[in-house]
Amino acid sequence: MRRPPGSASGAAGAADAEGVGAPRGVTSSAYRRGAPAGSGRPCLHGRMRLHIDETGTGPRAAVLLHGLMGSAESWWRVAPLLVARGYRVLAVDLPGHGLSDRDPALTVTRAAEAVTRAVADAGVERPALAVGHSFGGIVLGEAFPERRPEVVVYVDAPLAPAGGGDPVEIRDAYERDRRGRTAEALRISRPEYSDRDREAEGRAAARFDPATAAALAAVPT
């Protein structure tokens, strides 16, 4: 079985090292505040809507893209540090993650295009900084093709998804992983995590869509 690497945990590790009326294609934190887990709507045609957790009002924009089975909340340690340094931070829920739309036909290119549009709809054409962890790094490699960020940081990012796997087998494996990644289970398997790390990763797993991720992993290499 071949699956694209990446999980929410890497964002926490990287941190240790350092409303209605939202624009089209992007939702603010308030837009779906209180939305239940798994509330992302299927994306079948047209523009994909991505949720962005935005903090800070600085003149420079920083875009953060989480890893597989993570969410914008994975950057909870990093975002305040960037805000303190004068950045407006846009942490994006990638397709099939968090509160963003799902896409059972997702490709890296489709994900990158959705990120580029969503960030532009938030008023940012060229980020000053963009950080991608694992799968987020793969997406970042194709995002913002016309106006690349001034600084790009890749954290544990492979060059491309492994691809070539059986989509049903991969989807089922992701579903098992998702169900087992609760805050309580992480207390045992990841004792080094803080309570907030475990809670954030548990929420991200509950909202993760295995079918979207399986579409990526099944793409032939």
C-alpha atoms as a PDB file:
ATOM      1  CA  MET A   1       0.000   0.000   0.000  1.00  0.00           C
ATOM      2  CA  ARG A   2       1.364   3.409  -0.903  1.00  0.00           C
ATOM      3  CA  ARG A   3       0.070   6.489   0.831  1.00  0.00           C
ATOM      4  CA  PRO A   4       1.239  10.120   0.719  1.00  0.00           C
ATOM      5  CA  PRO A   5       3.083  10.946   3.939  1.00  0.00           C
ATOM      6  CA  GLY A   6       2.143  13.641   6.367  1.00  0.00           C
ATOM      7  CA  SER A   7       0.173  14.167   9.532  1.00  0.00           C
ATOM      8  CA  ALA A   8      -0.853  16.942  11.828  1.00  0.00           C
ATOM      9  CA  SER A   9       1.947  16.193  14.267  1.00  0.00           C
ATOM     10  CA  GLY A  10       4.669  17.765  12.125  1.00  0.00           C
ATOM     11  CA  ALA A  11       3.232  21.250  12.486  1.00  0.00           C
ATOM     12  CA  ALA A  12       3.593  21.052  16.244  1.00  0.00           C
ATOM     13  CA  GLY A  13       7.165  19.885  15.835  1.00  0.00           C
ATOM     14  CA  ALA A  14       7.918  22.699  13.411  1.00  0.00           C
ATOM     15  CA  ALA A  15       6.562  25.186  15.927  1.00  0.00           C
ATOM     16  CA  ASP A  16       9.005  24.022  18.524  1.00  0.00           C
ATOM     17  CA  ALA A  17      11.738  24.852  16.029  1.00  0.00           C
ATOM     18  CA  GLU A  18      10.465  28.235  15.431  1.00  0.00           C
ATOM     19  CA  GLY A  19     -19.440  35.099   8.765  1.00  0.00           C
ATOM     20  CA  VAL A  20     -21.672  35.028   6.201  1.00  0.00           C
ATOM     21  CA  GLY A  21     -20.401  37.567   3.769  1.00  0.00           C
ATOM     22  CA  ALA A  22     -17.023  35.920   3.378  1.00  0.00           C
ATOM     23  CA  PRO A  23     -15.448  36.295  -0.095  1.00  0.00           C
ATOM     24  CA  ARG A  24     -15.971  33.606  -2.711  1.00  0.00           C
ATOM     25  CA  GLY A  25     -13.720  30.604  -2.259  1.00  0.00           C
ATOM     26  CA  VAL A  26     -12.739  31.410   1.311  1.00  0.00           C
ATOM     27  CA  THR A  27     -14.400  31.325   4.687  1.00  0.00           C
ATOM     28  CA  SER A  28     -13.184  33.140   7.744  1.00  0.00           C
ATOM     29  CA  SER A  29     -13.050  31.492  11.151  1.00  0.00           C
ATOM     30  CA  ALA A  30     -16.385  33.133  11.982  1.00  0.00           C
ATOM     31  CA  TYR A  31     -18.062  31.975   8.770  1.00  0.00           C
ATOM     32  CA  ARG A  32     -18.572  28.414   9.987  1.00  0.00           C
ATOM     33  CA  ARG A  33     -17.986  28.883  13.681  1.00  0.00           C
ATOM     34  CA  GLY A  34     -19.548  25.956  15.524  1.00  0.00           C
ATOM     35  CA  ALA A  35     -19.843  23.808  12.411  1.00  0.00           C
ATOM     36  CA  PRO A  36     -19.979  20.117  13.332  1.00  0.00           C
ATOM     37  CA  ALA A  37     -17.164  17.724  12.513  1.00  0.00           C
ATOM     38  CA  GLY A  38     -17.328  16.484   8.956  1.00  0.00           C
ATOM     39  CA  SER A  39     -19.450  19.398   7.786  1.00  0.00           C
ATOM     40  CA  GLY A  40     -17.398  20.045   4.648  1.00  0.00           C
ATOM     41  CA  ARG A  41     -19.664  19.982   1.612  1.00  0.00           C
ATOM     42  CA  PRO A  42     -18.865  17.715  -1.374  1.00  0.00           C
ATOM     43  CA  CYS A  43     -17.183  19.585  -4.218  1.00  0.00           C
ATOM     44  CA  LEU A  44     -18.418  18.146  -7.498  1.00  0.00           C
ATOM     45  CA  HIS A  45     -18.218  21.067  -9.912  1.00  0.00           C
ATOM     46  CA  GLY A  46     -17.017  24.641 -10.024  1.00  0.00           C
ATOM     47  CA  ARG A  47     -15.047  26.482  -7.385  1.00  0.00           C
ATOM     48  CA  MET A  48     -13.961  24.680  -4.257  1.00  0.00           C
ATOM     49  CA  ARG A  49     -14.457  26.620  -1.041  1.00  0.00           C
ATOM     50  CA  LEU A  50     -11.652  26.434   1.488  1.00  0.00           C
ATOM     51  CA  HIS A  51     -11.750  27.496   5.120  1.00  0.00           C
ATOM     52  CA  ILE A  52      -9.012  29.889   6.232  1.00  0.00           C
ATOM     53  CA  ASP A  53      -8.183  30.592   9.864  1.00  0.00           C
ATOM     54  CA  GLU A  54      -6.915  34.174   9.766  1.00  0.00           C
ATOM     55  CA  THR A  55      -5.073  35.985  12.543  1.00  0.00           C
ATOM     56  CA  GLY A  56      -3.154  39.237  12.682  1.00  0.00           C
ATOM     57  CA  THR A  57      -3.416  42.416  10.666  1.00  0.00           C
ATOM     58  CA  GLY A  58       0.184  43.002   9.664  1.00  0.00           C
ATOM     59  CA  PRO A  59       1.202  44.357   6.250  1.00  0.00           C
ATOM     60  CA  ARG A  60       2.860  41.077   5.222  1.00  0.00           C
ATOM     61  CA  ALA A  61       0.926  37.857   4.645  1.00  0.00           C
ATOM     62  CA  ALA A  62       2.023  34.374   5.678  1.00  0.00           C
ATOM     63  CA  VAL A  63       0.226  31.311   4.297  1.00  0.00           C
ATOM     64  CA  LEU A  64       0.410  28.018   6.230  1.00  0.00           C
ATOM     65  CA  LEU A  65      -0.500  24.651   4.665  1.00  0.00           C
ATOM     66  CA  HIS A  66      -0.822  21.663   7.005  1.00  0.00           C
ATOM     67  CA  GLY A  67       0.001  18.008   6.395  1.00  0.00           C
ATOM     68  CA  LEU A  68      -2.259  15.064   5.686  1.00  0.00           C
ATOM     69  CA  MET A  69      -4.988  14.530   8.311  1.00  0.00           C
ATOM     70  CA  GLY A  70      -4.135  17.910   9.837  1.00  0.00           C
ATOM     71  CA  SER A  71      -5.994  21.211   9.743  1.00  0.00           C
ATOM     72  CA  ALA A  72      -5.439  24.937  10.032  1.00  0.00           C
ATOM     73  CA  GLU A  73      -5.461  24.399  13.796  1.00  0.00           C
ATOM     74  CA  SER A  74      -2.257  22.368  13.465  1.00  0.00           C
ATOM     75  CA  TRP A  75      -0.423  25.707  13.311  1.00  0.00           C
ATOM     76  CA  TRP A  76      -1.706  26.958  16.679  1.00  0.00           C
ATOM     77  CA  ARG A  77       1.832  27.356  17.992  1.00  0.00           C
ATOM     78  CA  VAL A  78       3.256  28.950  14.849  1.00  0.00           C
ATOM     79  CA  ALA A  79       0.578  31.528  14.003  1.00  0.00           C
ATOM     80  CA  PRO A  80       1.020  33.701  17.142  1.00  0.00           C
ATOM     81  CA  LEU A  81       4.783  33.794  16.598  1.00  0.00           C
ATOM     82  CA  LEU A  82       4.292  35.095  13.067  1.00  0.00           C
ATOM     83  CA  VAL A  83       1.658  37.611  14.171  1.00  0.00           C
ATOM     84  CA  ALA A  84       4.127  38.921  16.759  1.00  0.00           C
ATOM     85  CA  ARG A  85       6.579  39.466  13.903  1.00  0.00           C
ATOM     86  CA  GLY A  86       4.149  41.580  11.933  1.00  0.00           C
ATOM     87  CA  TYR A  87       2.461  39.008   9.706  1.00  0.00           C
ATOM     88  CA  ARG A  88      -1.153  38.555   8.761  1.00  0.00           C
ATOM     89  CA  VAL A  89      -1.442  34.772   8.998  1.00  0.00           C
ATOM     90  CA  LEU A  90      -3.694  32.665   6.772  1.00  0.00           C
ATOM     91  CA  ALA A  91      -3.761  29.019   7.874  1.00  0.00           C
ATOM     92  CA  VAL A  92      -5.656  27.070   5.219  1.00  0.00           C
ATOM     93  CA  ASP A  93      -7.717  23.915   5.653  1.00  0.00           C
ATOM     94  CA  LEU A  94      -6.727  21.896   2.588  1.00  0.00           C
ATOM     95  CA  PRO A  95      -9.437  20.091   0.555  1.00  0.00           C
ATOM     96  CA  GLY A  96     -10.983  17.233   2.506  1.00  0.00           C
ATOM     97  CA  HIS A  97      -9.625  18.593   5.780  1.00  0.00           C
ATOM     98  CA  GLY A  98     -11.033  20.742   8.553  1.00  0.00           C
ATOM     99  CA  LEU A  99     -13.995  22.821   7.386  1.00  0.00           C
ATOM    100  CA  SER A 100     -13.022  22.930   3.712  1.00  0.00           C
ATOM    101  CA  ASP A 101     -14.929  21.302   0.871  1.00  0.00           C
ATOM    102  CA  ARG A 102     -14.296  17.695  -0.036  1.00  0.00           C
ATOM    103  CA  ASP A 103     -13.266  16.546  -3.498  1.00  0.00           C
ATOM    104  CA  PRO A 104     -13.311  12.811  -4.336  1.00  0.00           C
ATOM    105  CA  ALA A 105     -11.480  13.586  -7.595  1.00  0.00           C
ATOM    106  CA  LEU A 106      -8.764  15.695  -5.995  1.00  0.00           C
ATOM    107  CA  THR A 107      -5.327  16.061  -7.569  1.00  0.00           C
ATOM    108  CA  VAL A 108      -2.365  18.073  -6.348  1.00  0.00           C
ATOM    109  CA  THR A 109      -2.989  20.568  -9.144  1.00  0.00           C
ATOM    110  CA  ARG A 110      -6.649  21.007  -8.162  1.00  0.00           C
ATOM    111  CA  ALA A 111      -5.647  21.498  -4.532  1.00  0.00           C
ATOM    112  CA  ALA A 112      -2.983  24.046  -5.471  1.00  0.00           C
ATOM    113  CA  GLU A 113      -5.401  25.971  -7.681  1.00  0.00           C
ATOM    114  CA  ALA A 114      -7.979  26.043  -4.885  1.00  0.00           C
ATOM    115  CA  VAL A 115      -5.408  27.361  -2.403  1.00  0.00           C
ATOM    116  CA  THR A 116      -4.216  30.027  -4.833  1.00  0.00           C
ATOM    117  CA  ARG A 117      -7.794  31.213  -5.483  1.00  0.00           C
ATOM    118  CA  ALA A 118      -8.804  31.153  -1.828  1.00  0.00           C
ATOM    119  CA  VAL A 119      -5.788  33.168  -0.722  1.00  0.00           C
ATOM    120  CA  ALA A 120      -6.359  35.647  -3.557  1.00  0.00           C
ATOM    121  CA  ASP A 121     -10.017  35.970  -2.518  1.00  0.00           C
ATOM    122  CA  ALA A 122      -8.737  36.849   0.955  1.00  0.00           C
ATOM    123  CA  GLY A 123      -6.902  39.771  -0.642  1.00  0.00           C
ATOM    124  CA  VAL A 124      -3.430  38.247  -0.915  1.00  0.00           C
ATOM    125  CA  GLU A 125      -1.991  37.888  -4.410  1.00  0.00           C
ATOM    126  CA  ARG A 126       1.602  37.224  -3.344  1.00  0.00           C
ATOM    127  CA  PRO A 127       2.361  36.042   0.205  1.00  0.00           C
ATOM    128  CA  ALA A 128       5.526  37.287   1.828  1.00  0.00           C
ATOM    129  CA  LEU A 129       5.946  33.847   3.405  1.00  0.00           C
ATOM    130  CA  ALA A 130       4.463  30.423   2.698  1.00  0.00           C
ATOM    131  CA  VAL A 131       5.074  27.291   4.760  1.00  0.00           C
ATOM    132  CA  GLY A 132       4.003  23.796   3.745  1.00  0.00           C
ATOM    133  CA  HIS A 133       4.266  20.724   5.943  1.00  0.00           C
ATOM    134  CA  SER A 134       4.452  17.324   4.215  1.00  0.00           C
ATOM    135  CA  PHE A 135       1.402  17.078   1.929  1.00  0.00           C
ATOM    136  CA  GLY A 136       0.979  20.827   2.362  1.00  0.00           C
ATOM    137  CA  GLY A 137       4.480  21.206   0.943  1.00  0.00           C
ATOM    138  CA  ILE A 138       3.501  19.201  -2.136  1.00  0.00           C
ATOM    139  CA  VAL A 139       0.538  21.517  -2.683  1.00  0.00           C
ATOM    140  CA  LEU A 140       2.680  24.587  -2.044  1.00  0.00           C
ATOM    141  CA  GLY A 141       5.045  23.467  -4.801  1.00  0.00           C
ATOM    142  CA  GLU A 142       2.292  24.120  -7.367  1.00  0.00           C
ATOM    143  CA  ALA A 143       0.454  26.995  -5.675  1.00  0.00           C
ATOM    144  CA  PHE A 144       0.933  30.663  -6.591  1.00  0.00           C
ATOM    145  CA  PRO A 145       2.483  29.842  -9.995  1.00  0.00           C
ATOM    146  CA  GLU A 146       2.446  33.416 -11.303  1.00  0.00           C
ATOM    147  CA  ARG A 147       3.497  35.247  -8.143  1.00  0.00           C
ATOM    148  CA  ARG A 148       5.613  32.978  -5.985  1.00  0.00           C
ATOM    149  CA  PRO A 149       5.903  33.917  -2.289  1.00  0.00           C
ATOM    150  CA  GLU A 150       8.976  35.888  -1.319  1.00  0.00           C
ATOM    151  CA  VAL A 151      10.044  33.127   1.087  1.00  0.00           C
ATOM    152  CA  VAL A 152       8.958  29.481   0.821  1.00  0.00           C
ATOM    153  CA  VAL A 153       9.569  26.925   3.578  1.00  0.00           C
ATOM    154  CA  TYR A 154       9.047  23.187   3.118  1.00  0.00           C
ATOM    155  CA  VAL A 155       8.822  21.042   6.276  1.00  0.00           C
ATOM    156  CA  ASP A 156       9.279  17.272   5.771  1.00  0.00           C
ATOM    157  CA  ALA A 157       7.825  17.597   2.280  1.00  0.00           C
ATOM    158  CA  PRO A 158       8.303  14.871  -0.359  1.00  0.00           C
ATOM    159  CA  LEU A 159       8.501  15.859  -4.002  1.00  0.00           C
ATOM    160  CA  ALA A 160       5.151  14.249  -4.881  1.00  0.00           C
ATOM    161  CA  PRO A 161       2.542  11.841  -3.507  1.00  0.00           C
ATOM    162  CA  ALA A 162       3.595   8.206  -3.771  1.00  0.00           C
ATOM    163  CA  GLY A 163       0.578   7.383  -5.949  1.00  0.00           C
ATOM    164  CA  GLY A 164      -0.324   4.172  -7.718  1.00  0.00           C
ATOM    165  CA  GLY A 165      -2.275   2.540  -4.879  1.00  0.00           C
ATOM    166  CA  ASP A 166      -5.694   0.932  -4.805  1.00  0.00           C
ATOM    167  CA  PRO A 167      -8.167   3.709  -3.922  1.00  0.00           C
ATOM    168  CA  VAL A 168     -10.550   1.485  -1.944  1.00  0.00           C
ATOM    169  CA  GLU A 169      -7.764  -0.081   0.087  1.00  0.00           C
ATOM    170  CA  ILE A 170      -6.215   3.316   0.750  1.00  0.00           C
ATOM    171  CA  ARG A 171      -9.537   4.908   1.696  1.00  0.00           C
ATOM    172  CA  ASP A 172     -10.253   2.102   4.159  1.00  0.00           C
ATOM    173  CA  ALA A 173      -6.785   2.446   5.689  1.00  0.00           C
ATOM    174  CA  TYR A 174      -7.268   6.183   6.113  1.00  0.00           C
ATOM    175  CA  GLU A 175     -10.646   5.571   7.723  1.00  0.00           C
ATOM    176  CA  ARG A 176      -9.076   3.218  10.267  1.00  0.00           C
ATOM    177  CA  ASP A 177      -6.336   5.745  10.979  1.00  0.00           C
ATOM    178  CA  ARG A 178      -8.882   8.538  11.333  1.00  0.00           C
ATOM    179  CA  ARG A 179     -11.050   6.631  13.799  1.00  0.00           C
ATOM    180  CA  GLY A 180      -8.061   5.690  15.916  1.00  0.00           C
ATOM    181  CA  ARG A 181      -6.669   9.200  16.128  1.00  0.00           C
ATOM    182  CA  THR A 182      -8.682  10.557  19.032  1.00  0.00           C
ATOM    183  CA  ALA A 183      -7.363  12.813  21.760  1.00  0.00           C
ATOM    184  CA  GLU A 184      -7.615   9.953  24.242  1.00  0.00           C
ATOM    185  CA  ALA A 185      -5.775   7.513  21.971  1.00  0.00           C
ATOM    186  CA  LEU A 186      -3.060  10.090  21.321  1.00  0.00           C
ATOM    187  CA  ARG A 187      -2.539  10.420  25.056  1.00  0.00           C
ATOM    188  CA  ILE A 188      -1.148   6.876  24.894  1.00  0.00           C
ATOM    189  CA  SER A 189       0.527   6.837  21.480  1.00  0.00           C
ATOM    190  CA  ARG A 190       1.935  10.387  21.659  1.00  0.00           C
ATOM    191  CA  PRO A 191       2.689  11.061  25.343  1.00  0.00           C
ATOM    192  CA  GLU A 192       5.024  13.886  24.327  1.00  0.00           C
ATOM    193  CA  TYR A 193       2.094  15.903  22.929  1.00  0.00           C
ATOM    194  CA  SER A 194       0.521  18.662  24.966  1.00  0.00           C
ATOM    195  CA  ASP A 195      -3.204  18.434  25.693  1.00  0.00           C
ATOM    196  CA  ARG A 196      -3.890  21.055  23.054  1.00  0.00           C
ATOM    197  CA  ASP A 197      -1.823  19.180  20.463  1.00  0.00           C
ATOM    198  CA  ARG A 198      -3.852  16.033  21.117  1.00  0.00           C
ATOM    199  CA  GLU A 199      -7.148  17.894  21.000  1.00  0.00           C
ATOM    200  CA  ALA A 200      -6.241  19.685  17.769  1.00  0.00           C
ATOM    201  CA  GLU A 201      -5.102  16.493  16.080  1.00  0.00           C
ATOM    202  CA  GLY A 202      -8.182  14.632  17.285  1.00  0.00           C
ATOM    203  CA  ARG A 203     -10.483  17.315  15.849  1.00  0.00           C
ATOM    204  CA  ALA A 204      -8.563  17.286  12.577  1.00  0.00           C
ATOM    205  CA  ALA A 205      -8.899  13.511  12.293  1.00  0.00           C
ATOM    206  CA  ALA A 206     -12.643  13.682  12.982  1.00  0.00           C
ATOM    207  CA  ARG A 207     -13.077  16.139  10.109  1.00  0.00           C
ATOM    208  CA  PHE A 208     -10.708  14.387   7.693  1.00  0.00           C
ATOM    209  CA  ASP A 209     -12.270  12.901   4.542  1.00  0.00           C
ATOM    210  CA  PRO A 210     -10.573   9.605   3.593  1.00  0.00           C
ATOM    211  CA  ALA A 211     -12.064   9.599   0.076  1.00  0.00           C
ATOM    212  CA  THR A 212     -10.436  12.923  -0.791  1.00  0.00           C
ATOM    213  CA  ALA A 213      -7.029  11.759   0.406  1.00  0.00           C
ATOM    214  CA  ALA A 214      -7.413   8.372  -1.296  1.00  0.00           C
ATOM    215  CA  ALA A 215      -7.970  10.111  -4.632  1.00  0.00           C
ATOM    216  CA  LEU A 216      -4.522  11.671  -4.293  1.00  0.00           C
ATOM    217  CA  ALA A 217      -2.821   8.453  -3.244  1.00  0.00           C
ATOM    218  CA  ALA A 218      -4.375   6.480  -6.091  1.00  0.00           C
ATOM    219  CA  VAL A 219      -3.084   8.765  -8.865  1.00  0.00           C
ATOM    220  CA  PRO A 220      -0.586   6.753 -10.976  1.00  0.00           C
ATOM    221  CA  THR A 221       3.052   7.814 -10.651  1.00  0.00           C
END
